[in-house]
Amino acid sequence: MVDRVVEVVRVERVVEERRVQVAVSRTPRSAREWVDVLNRLEWALGSNRMDLEDLAEIEPSLARVVAAYHARNDRLHRRQGRW
């Protein structure tokens, strides 16, 4: 047996903790903020950002939103005597 010098390369992973600011999701408060949310959803749908699984997941909620919108719209129109 012969002792030989062998070069060993070690890769070290350094983990650093940093504080960063991130946007916090909150409920829209104004009609304009709701429009922004809906515009982002429209963009995601129109730019192929969602696949069939995503669509299946949002479909029940979206159907309830549309139904609630129509119910509210109908009540307001009846109250104002437009219908």
PDB file of N, CA and C in Angstrom:
ATOM      1  N   MET A   1       0.835  -1.183   0.000  1.00  0.00           N
ATOM      2  CA  MET A   1       0.000   0.000   0.000  1.00  0.00           C
ATOM      3  C   MET A   1       0.872   1.234   0.000  1.00  0.00           C
ATOM      4  N   VAL A   2       0.415   2.224  -0.763  1.00  0.00           N
ATOM      5  CA  VAL A   2       1.146   3.480  -0.859  1.00  0.00           C
ATOM      6  C   VAL A   2       0.195   4.605  -0.476  1.00  0.00           C
ATOM      7  N   ASP A   3       0.662   5.512   0.345  1.00  0.00           N
ATOM      8  CA  ASP A   3      -0.140   6.694   0.694  1.00  0.00           C
ATOM      9  C   ASP A   3       0.031   7.723  -0.392  1.00  0.00           C
ATOM     10  N   ARG A   4      -1.094   8.278  -0.836  1.00  0.00           N
ATOM     11  CA  ARG A   4      -1.073   9.294  -1.876  1.00  0.00           C
ATOM     12  C   ARG A   4      -1.903  10.486  -1.453  1.00  0.00           C
ATOM     13  N   VAL A   5      -1.541  11.644  -1.918  1.00  0.00           N
ATOM     14  CA  VAL A   5      -2.338  12.843  -1.669  1.00  0.00           C
ATOM     15  C   VAL A   5      -3.437  12.880  -2.720  1.00  0.00           C
ATOM     16  N   VAL A   6      -4.656  13.023  -2.256  1.00  0.00           N
ATOM     17  CA  VAL A   6      -5.806  13.070  -3.154  1.00  0.00           C
ATOM     18  C   VAL A   6      -6.526  14.388  -2.915  1.00  0.00           C
ATOM     19  N   GLU A   7      -6.900  15.014  -4.009  1.00  0.00           N
ATOM     20  CA  GLU A   7      -7.618  16.285  -3.901  1.00  0.00           C
ATOM     21  C   GLU A   7      -9.101  15.996  -3.700  1.00  0.00           C
ATOM     22  N   VAL A   8      -9.677  16.597  -2.677  1.00  0.00           N
ATOM     23  CA  VAL A   8     -11.095  16.403  -2.366  1.00  0.00           C
ATOM     24  C   VAL A   8     -11.788  17.755  -2.489  1.00  0.00           C
ATOM     25  N   VAL A   9     -12.864  17.789  -3.268  1.00  0.00           N
ATOM     26  CA  VAL A   9     -13.628  19.021  -3.436  1.00  0.00           C
ATOM     27  C   VAL A   9     -14.904  18.894  -2.616  1.00  0.00           C
ATOM     28  N   ARG A  10     -15.115  19.847  -1.710  1.00  0.00           N
ATOM     29  CA  ARG A  10     -16.322  19.852  -0.902  1.00  0.00           C
ATOM     30  C   ARG A  10     -17.152  21.063  -1.271  1.00  0.00           C
ATOM     31  N   VAL A  11     -18.415  20.817  -1.482  1.00  0.00           N
ATOM     32  CA  VAL A  11     -19.332  21.911  -1.765  1.00  0.00           C
ATOM     33  C   VAL A  11     -20.128  22.166  -0.497  1.00  0.00           C
ATOM     34  N   GLU A  12     -20.092  23.404  -0.057  1.00  0.00           N
ATOM     35  CA  GLU A  12     -20.829  23.757   1.150  1.00  0.00           C
ATOM     36  C   GLU A  12     -22.043  24.590   0.770  1.00  0.00           C
ATOM     37  N   ARG A  13     -23.129  24.317   1.431  1.00  0.00           N
ATOM     38  CA  ARG A  13     -24.353  25.081   1.204  1.00  0.00           C
ATOM     39  C   ARG A  13     -24.518  26.040   2.381  1.00  0.00           C
ATOM     40  N   VAL A  14     -24.607  27.316   2.066  1.00  0.00           N
ATOM     41  CA  VAL A  14     -24.762  28.321   3.101  1.00  0.00           C
ATOM     42  C   VAL A  14     -26.214  28.796   3.081  1.00  0.00           C
ATOM     43  N   VAL A  15     -26.848  28.743   4.224  1.00  0.00           N
ATOM     44  CA  VAL A  15     -28.228  29.195   4.343  1.00  0.00           C
ATOM     45  C   VAL A  15     -28.225  30.485   5.144  1.00  0.00           C
ATOM     46  N   GLU A  16     -28.766  31.514   4.543  1.00  0.00           N
ATOM     47  CA  GLU A  16     -28.853  32.796   5.221  1.00  0.00           C
ATOM     48  C   GLU A  16     -30.307  33.142   5.458  1.00  0.00           C
ATOM     49  N   GLU A  17     -30.571  33.738   6.584  1.00  0.00           N
ATOM     50  CA  GLU A  17     -31.927  34.186   6.882  1.00  0.00           C
ATOM     51  C   GLU A  17     -32.003  35.682   6.583  1.00  0.00           C
ATOM     52  N   ARG A  18     -33.007  36.052   5.826  1.00  0.00           N
ATOM     53  CA  ARG A  18     -33.194  37.459   5.483  1.00  0.00           C
ATOM     54  C   ARG A  18     -34.634  37.847   5.730  1.00  0.00           C
ATOM     55  N   ARG A  19     -34.842  39.057   6.114  1.00  0.00           N
ATOM     56  CA  ARG A  19     -36.191  39.588   6.248  1.00  0.00           C
ATOM     57  C   ARG A  19     -36.516  40.366   4.985  1.00  0.00           C
ATOM     58  N   VAL A  20     -37.633  40.008   4.393  1.00  0.00           N
ATOM     59  CA  VAL A  20     -38.072  40.695   3.184  1.00  0.00           C
ATOM     60  C   VAL A  20     -39.532  41.079   3.357  1.00  0.00           C
ATOM     61  N   GLN A  21     -39.945  42.082   2.617  1.00  0.00           N
ATOM     62  CA  GLN A  21     -41.341  42.489   2.643  1.00  0.00           C
ATOM     63  C   GLN A  21     -42.073  41.786   1.507  1.00  0.00           C
ATOM     64  N   VAL A  22     -43.213  41.227   1.846  1.00  0.00           N
ATOM     65  CA  VAL A  22     -44.031  40.560   0.849  1.00  0.00           C
ATOM     66  C   VAL A  22     -45.443  41.140   0.915  1.00  0.00           C
ATOM     67  N   ALA A  23     -46.108  41.089  -0.216  1.00  0.00           N
ATOM     68  CA  ALA A  23     -47.476  41.582  -0.254  1.00  0.00           C
ATOM     69  C   ALA A  23     -48.365  40.640   0.557  1.00  0.00           C
ATOM     70  N   VAL A  24     -49.221  41.210   1.360  1.00  0.00           N
ATOM     71  CA  VAL A  24     -50.142  40.426   2.172  1.00  0.00           C
ATOM     72  C   VAL A  24     -51.503  40.463   1.514  1.00  0.00           C
ATOM     73  N   SER A  25     -52.034  39.289   1.284  1.00  0.00           N
ATOM     74  CA  SER A  25     -53.348  39.198   0.667  1.00  0.00           C
ATOM     75  C   SER A  25     -54.393  39.673   1.666  1.00  0.00           C
ATOM     76  N   ARG A  26     -55.246  40.564   1.227  1.00  0.00           N
ATOM     77  CA  ARG A  26     -56.326  41.025   2.087  1.00  0.00           C
ATOM     78  C   ARG A  26     -57.590  41.123   1.252  1.00  0.00           C
ATOM     79  N   THR A  27     -58.698  41.192   1.921  1.00  0.00           N
ATOM     80  CA  THR A  27     -59.971  41.278   1.227  1.00  0.00           C
ATOM     81  C   THR A  27     -60.126  42.663   0.611  1.00  0.00           C
ATOM     82  N   PRO A  28     -60.466  42.719  -0.665  1.00  0.00           N
ATOM     83  CA  PRO A  28     -60.711  44.031  -1.280  1.00  0.00           C
ATOM     84  C   PRO A  28     -61.826  44.765  -0.547  1.00  0.00           C
ATOM     85  N   ARG A  29     -61.688  46.076  -0.437  1.00  0.00           N
ATOM     86  CA  ARG A  29     -62.659  46.875   0.308  1.00  0.00           C
ATOM     87  C   ARG A  29     -63.529  47.745  -0.587  1.00  0.00           C
ATOM     88  N   SER A  30     -63.062  48.053  -1.755  1.00  0.00           N
ATOM     89  CA  SER A  30     -63.827  48.937  -2.638  1.00  0.00           C
ATOM     90  C   SER A  30     -64.141  48.218  -3.939  1.00  0.00           C
ATOM     91  N   ALA A  31     -65.081  48.776  -4.668  1.00  0.00           N
ATOM     92  CA  ALA A  31     -65.424  48.204  -5.975  1.00  0.00           C
ATOM     93  C   ALA A  31     -64.194  48.179  -6.874  1.00  0.00           C
ATOM     94  N   ARG A  32     -63.388  49.219  -6.829  1.00  0.00           N
ATOM     95  CA  ARG A  32     -62.178  49.284  -7.660  1.00  0.00           C
ATOM     96  C   ARG A  32     -61.215  48.146  -7.329  1.00  0.00           C
ATOM     97  N   GLU A  33     -61.053  47.847  -6.033  1.00  0.00           N
ATOM     98  CA  GLU A  33     -60.172  46.748  -5.637  1.00  0.00           C
ATOM     99  C   GLU A  33     -60.734  45.408  -6.097  1.00  0.00           C
ATOM    100  N   TRP A  34     -62.071  45.241  -6.046  1.00  0.00           N
ATOM    101  CA  TRP A  34     -62.676  44.011  -6.548  1.00  0.00           C
ATOM    102  C   TRP A  34     -62.465  43.887  -8.056  1.00  0.00           C
ATOM    103  N   VAL A  35     -62.567  44.998  -8.765  1.00  0.00           N
ATOM    104  CA  VAL A  35     -62.320  44.981 -10.218  1.00  0.00           C
ATOM    105  C   VAL A  35     -60.896  44.528 -10.491  1.00  0.00           C
ATOM    106  N   ASP A  36     -59.949  45.004  -9.703  1.00  0.00           N
ATOM    107  CA  ASP A  36     -58.550  44.581  -9.876  1.00  0.00           C
ATOM    108  C   ASP A  36     -58.402  43.070  -9.681  1.00  0.00           C
ATOM    109  N   VAL A  37     -59.050  42.523  -8.657  1.00  0.00           N
ATOM    110  CA  VAL A  37     -58.988  41.079  -8.405  1.00  0.00           C
ATOM    111  C   VAL A  37     -59.572  40.315  -9.593  1.00  0.00           C
ATOM    112  N   LEU A  38     -60.733  40.767 -10.064  1.00  0.00           N
ATOM    113  CA  LEU A  38     -61.373  40.090 -11.194  1.00  0.00           C
ATOM    114  C   LEU A  38     -60.544  40.217 -12.468  1.00  0.00           C
ATOM    115  N   ASN A  39     -59.904  41.359 -12.651  1.00  0.00           N
ATOM    116  CA  ASN A  39     -59.027  41.536 -13.821  1.00  0.00           C
ATOM    117  C   ASN A  39     -57.846  40.579 -13.769  1.00  0.00           C
ATOM    118  N   ARG A  40     -57.292  40.355 -12.570  1.00  0.00           N
ATOM    119  CA  ARG A  40     -56.180  39.402 -12.443  1.00  0.00           C
ATOM    120  C   ARG A  40     -56.641  37.976 -12.736  1.00  0.00           C
ATOM    121  N   LEU A  41     -57.863  37.648 -12.291  1.00  0.00           N
ATOM    122  CA  LEU A  41     -58.402  36.326 -12.591  1.00  0.00           C
ATOM    123  C   LEU A  41     -58.619  36.173 -14.092  1.00  0.00           C
ATOM    124  N   GLU A  42     -59.168  37.195 -14.717  1.00  0.00           N
ATOM    125  CA  GLU A  42     -59.374  37.162 -16.176  1.00  0.00           C
ATOM    126  C   GLU A  42     -58.041  36.980 -16.898  1.00  0.00           C
ATOM    127  N   TRP A  43     -57.018  37.688 -16.444  1.00  0.00           N
ATOM    128  CA  TRP A  43     -55.691  37.581 -17.056  1.00  0.00           C
ATOM    129  C   TRP A  43     -55.153  36.157 -16.916  1.00  0.00           C
ATOM    130  N   ALA A  44     -55.294  35.582 -15.711  1.00  0.00           N
ATOM    131  CA  ALA A  44     -54.795  34.229 -15.481  1.00  0.00           C
ATOM    132  C   ALA A  44     -55.512  33.224 -16.382  1.00  0.00           C
ATOM    133  N   LEU A  45     -56.808  33.408 -16.545  1.00  0.00           N
ATOM    134  CA  LEU A  45     -57.572  32.505 -17.408  1.00  0.00           C
ATOM    135  C   LEU A  45     -57.201  32.711 -18.874  1.00  0.00           C
ATOM    136  N   GLY A  46     -57.059  33.947 -19.284  1.00  0.00           N
ATOM    137  CA  GLY A  46     -56.787  34.256 -20.682  1.00  0.00           C
ATOM    138  C   GLY A  46     -55.365  33.995 -21.128  1.00  0.00           C
ATOM    139  N   SER A  47     -54.441  33.891 -20.187  1.00  0.00           N
ATOM    140  CA  SER A  47     -53.034  33.693 -20.557  1.00  0.00           C
ATOM    141  C   SER A  47     -52.571  32.264 -20.268  1.00  0.00           C
ATOM    142  N   ASN A  48     -53.514  31.353 -20.208  1.00  0.00           N
ATOM    143  CA  ASN A  48     -53.208  29.930 -20.014  1.00  0.00           C
ATOM    144  C   ASN A  48     -52.422  29.647 -18.742  1.00  0.00           C
ATOM    145  N   ARG A  49     -52.695  30.390 -17.686  1.00  0.00           N
ATOM    146  CA  ARG A  49     -52.010  30.168 -16.411  1.00  0.00           C
ATOM    147  C   ARG A  49     -52.694  29.077 -15.590  1.00  0.00           C
ATOM    148  N   MET A  50     -53.879  28.640 -16.033  1.00  0.00           N
ATOM    149  CA  MET A  50     -54.626  27.646 -15.271  1.00  0.00           C
ATOM    150  C   MET A  50     -54.896  26.425 -16.143  1.00  0.00           C
ATOM    151  N   ASP A  51     -54.706  25.261 -15.548  1.00  0.00           N
ATOM    152  CA  ASP A  51     -55.003  24.028 -16.279  1.00  0.00           C
ATOM    153  C   ASP A  51     -56.371  23.497 -15.833  1.00  0.00           C
ATOM    154  N   LEU A  52     -56.730  22.320 -16.306  1.00  0.00           N
ATOM    155  CA  LEU A  52     -58.048  21.756 -15.996  1.00  0.00           C
ATOM    156  C   LEU A  52     -58.261  21.562 -14.496  1.00  0.00           C
ATOM    157  N   GLU A  53     -57.238  21.147 -13.781  1.00  0.00           N
ATOM    158  CA  GLU A  53     -57.366  20.967 -12.331  1.00  0.00           C
ATOM    159  C   GLU A  53     -57.647  22.290 -11.631  1.00  0.00           C
ATOM    160  N   ASP A  54     -56.959  23.349 -12.068  1.00  0.00           N
ATOM    161  CA  ASP A  54     -57.202  24.671 -11.496  1.00  0.00           C
ATOM    162  C   ASP A  54     -58.632  25.119 -11.759  1.00  0.00           C
ATOM    163  N   LEU A  55     -59.086  24.917 -13.006  1.00  0.00           N
ATOM    164  CA  LEU A  55     -60.451  25.319 -13.356  1.00  0.00           C
ATOM    165  C   LEU A  55     -61.476  24.559 -12.535  1.00  0.00           C
ATOM    166  N   ALA A  56     -61.241  23.261 -12.359  1.00  0.00           N
ATOM    167  CA  ALA A  56     -62.165  22.455 -11.564  1.00  0.00           C
ATOM    168  C   ALA A  56     -62.202  22.934 -10.112  1.00  0.00           C
ATOM    169  N   GLU A  57     -61.074  23.409  -9.619  1.00  0.00           N
ATOM    170  CA  GLU A  57     -61.016  23.875  -8.230  1.00  0.00           C
ATOM    171  C   GLU A  57     -61.750  25.201  -8.041  1.00  0.00           C
ATOM    172  N   ILE A  58     -61.654  26.111  -9.012  1.00  0.00           N
ATOM    173  CA  ILE A  58     -62.296  27.416  -8.842  1.00  0.00           C
ATOM    174  C   ILE A  58     -63.751  27.432  -9.301  1.00  0.00           C
ATOM    175  N   GLU A  59     -64.166  26.439 -10.078  1.00  0.00           N
ATOM    176  CA  GLU A  59     -65.518  26.452 -10.651  1.00  0.00           C
ATOM    177  C   GLU A  59     -66.627  26.577  -9.613  1.00  0.00           C
ATOM    178  N   PRO A  60     -66.646  25.782  -8.529  1.00  0.00           N
ATOM    179  CA  PRO A  60     -67.743  25.918  -7.567  1.00  0.00           C
ATOM    180  C   PRO A  60     -67.806  27.314  -6.936  1.00  0.00           C
ATOM    181  N   SER A  61     -66.657  27.851  -6.574  1.00  0.00           N
ATOM    182  CA  SER A  61     -66.636  29.188  -5.973  1.00  0.00           C
ATOM    183  C   SER A  61     -67.078  30.242  -6.969  1.00  0.00           C
ATOM    184  N   LEU A  62     -66.618  30.116  -8.193  1.00  0.00           N
ATOM    185  CA  LEU A  62     -66.985  31.082  -9.220  1.00  0.00           C
ATOM    186  C   LEU A  62     -68.489  31.033  -9.499  1.00  0.00           C
ATOM    187  N   ALA A  63     -69.059  29.835  -9.514  1.00  0.00           N
ATOM    188  CA  ALA A  63     -70.502  29.698  -9.727  1.00  0.00           C
ATOM    189  C   ALA A  63     -71.282  30.365  -8.594  1.00  0.00           C
ATOM    190  N   ARG A  64     -70.814  30.207  -7.353  1.00  0.00           N
ATOM    191  CA  ARG A  64     -71.484  30.861  -6.221  1.00  0.00           C
ATOM    192  C   ARG A  64     -71.368  32.373  -6.304  1.00  0.00           C
ATOM    193  N   VAL A  65     -70.224  32.863  -6.743  1.00  0.00           N
ATOM    194  CA  VAL A  65     -70.034  34.315  -6.888  1.00  0.00           C
ATOM    195  C   VAL A  65     -70.995  34.864  -7.933  1.00  0.00           C
ATOM    196  N   VAL A  66     -71.094  34.209  -9.069  1.00  0.00           N
ATOM    197  CA  VAL A  66     -71.994  34.671 -10.139  1.00  0.00           C
ATOM    198  C   VAL A  66     -73.439  34.637  -9.654  1.00  0.00           C
ATOM    199  N   ALA A  67     -73.835  33.573  -8.953  1.00  0.00           N
ATOM    200  CA  ALA A  67     -75.202  33.473  -8.434  1.00  0.00           C
ATOM    201  C   ALA A  67     -75.480  34.579  -7.417  1.00  0.00           C
ATOM    202  N   ALA A  68     -74.521  34.843  -6.533  1.00  0.00           N
ATOM    203  CA  ALA A  68     -74.689  35.903  -5.535  1.00  0.00           C
ATOM    204  C   ALA A  68     -74.772  37.273  -6.208  1.00  0.00           C
ATOM    205  N   TYR A  69     -73.978  37.487  -7.244  1.00  0.00           N
ATOM    206  CA  TYR A  69     -74.025  38.750  -7.995  1.00  0.00           C
ATOM    207  C   TYR A  69     -75.416  38.950  -8.605  1.00  0.00           C
ATOM    208  N   HIS A  70     -75.932  37.922  -9.269  1.00  0.00           N
ATOM    209  CA  HIS A  70     -77.247  38.039  -9.896  1.00  0.00           C
ATOM    210  C   HIS A  70     -78.338  38.272  -8.851  1.00  0.00           C
ATOM    211  N   ALA A  71     -78.278  37.583  -7.728  1.00  0.00           N
ATOM    212  CA  ALA A  71     -79.276  37.764  -6.674  1.00  0.00           C
ATOM    213  C   ALA A  71     -79.232  39.191  -6.131  1.00  0.00           C
ATOM    214  N   ARG A  72     -78.046  39.701  -5.881  1.00  0.00           N
ATOM    215  CA  ARG A  72     -77.914  41.071  -5.358  1.00  0.00           C
ATOM    216  C   ARG A  72     -78.394  42.086  -6.384  1.00  0.00           C
ATOM    217  N   ASN A  73     -78.023  41.897  -7.637  1.00  0.00           N
ATOM    218  CA  ASN A  73     -78.423  42.789  -8.711  1.00  0.00           C
ATOM    219  C   ASN A  73     -79.952  42.810  -8.840  1.00  0.00           C
ATOM    220  N   ASP A  74     -80.569  41.634  -8.789  1.00  0.00           N
ATOM    221  CA  ASP A  74     -82.026  41.543  -8.883  1.00  0.00           C
ATOM    222  C   ASP A  74     -82.704  42.261  -7.721  1.00  0.00           C
ATOM    223  N   ARG A  75     -82.202  42.051  -6.489  1.00  0.00           N
ATOM    224  CA  ARG A  75     -82.791  42.715  -5.314  1.00  0.00           C
ATOM    225  C   ARG A  75     -82.697  44.224  -5.436  1.00  0.00           C
ATOM    226  N   LEU A  76     -81.552  44.728  -5.867  1.00  0.00           N
ATOM    227  CA  LEU A  76     -81.383  46.186  -5.987  1.00  0.00           C
ATOM    228  C   LEU A  76     -82.301  46.763  -7.060  1.00  0.00           C
ATOM    229  N   HIS A  77     -82.439  46.054  -8.163  1.00  0.00           N
ATOM    230  CA  HIS A  77     -83.320  46.548  -9.223  1.00  0.00           C
ATOM    231  C   HIS A  77     -84.780  46.536  -8.775  1.00  0.00           C
ATOM    232  N   ARG A  78     -85.195  45.496  -8.052  1.00  0.00           N
ATOM    233  CA  ARG A  78     -86.576  45.450  -7.552  1.00  0.00           C
ATOM    234  C   ARG A  78     -86.820  46.561  -6.547  1.00  0.00           C
ATOM    235  N   ARG A  79     -85.841  46.819  -5.688  1.00  0.00           N
ATOM    236  CA  ARG A  79     -85.972  47.862  -4.672  1.00  0.00           C
ATOM    237  C   ARG A  79     -86.135  49.230  -5.331  1.00  0.00           C
ATOM    238  N   GLN A  80     -85.445  49.438  -6.412  1.00  0.00           N
ATOM    239  CA  GLN A  80     -85.510  50.726  -7.105  1.00  0.00           C
ATOM    240  C   GLN A  80     -86.656  50.784  -8.105  1.00  0.00           C
ATOM    241  N   GLY A  81     -87.426  49.710  -8.186  1.00  0.00           N
ATOM    242  CA  GLY A  81     -88.587  49.695  -9.061  1.00  0.00           C
ATOM    243  C   GLY A  81     -88.259  49.613 -10.530  1.00  0.00           C
ATOM    244  N   ARG A  82     -87.103  49.099 -10.847  1.00  0.00           N
ATOM    245  CA  ARG A  82     -86.700  49.012 -12.264  1.00  0.00           C
ATOM    246  C   ARG A  82     -87.225  47.757 -12.905  1.00  0.00           C
ATOM    247  N   TRP A  83     -87.684  46.801 -12.104  1.00  0.00           N
ATOM    248  CA  TRP A  83     -88.165  45.547 -12.678  1.00  0.00           C
ATOM    249  C   TRP A  83     -89.563  45.308 -12.247  1.00  0.00           C
TER     250      TRP A  83
END
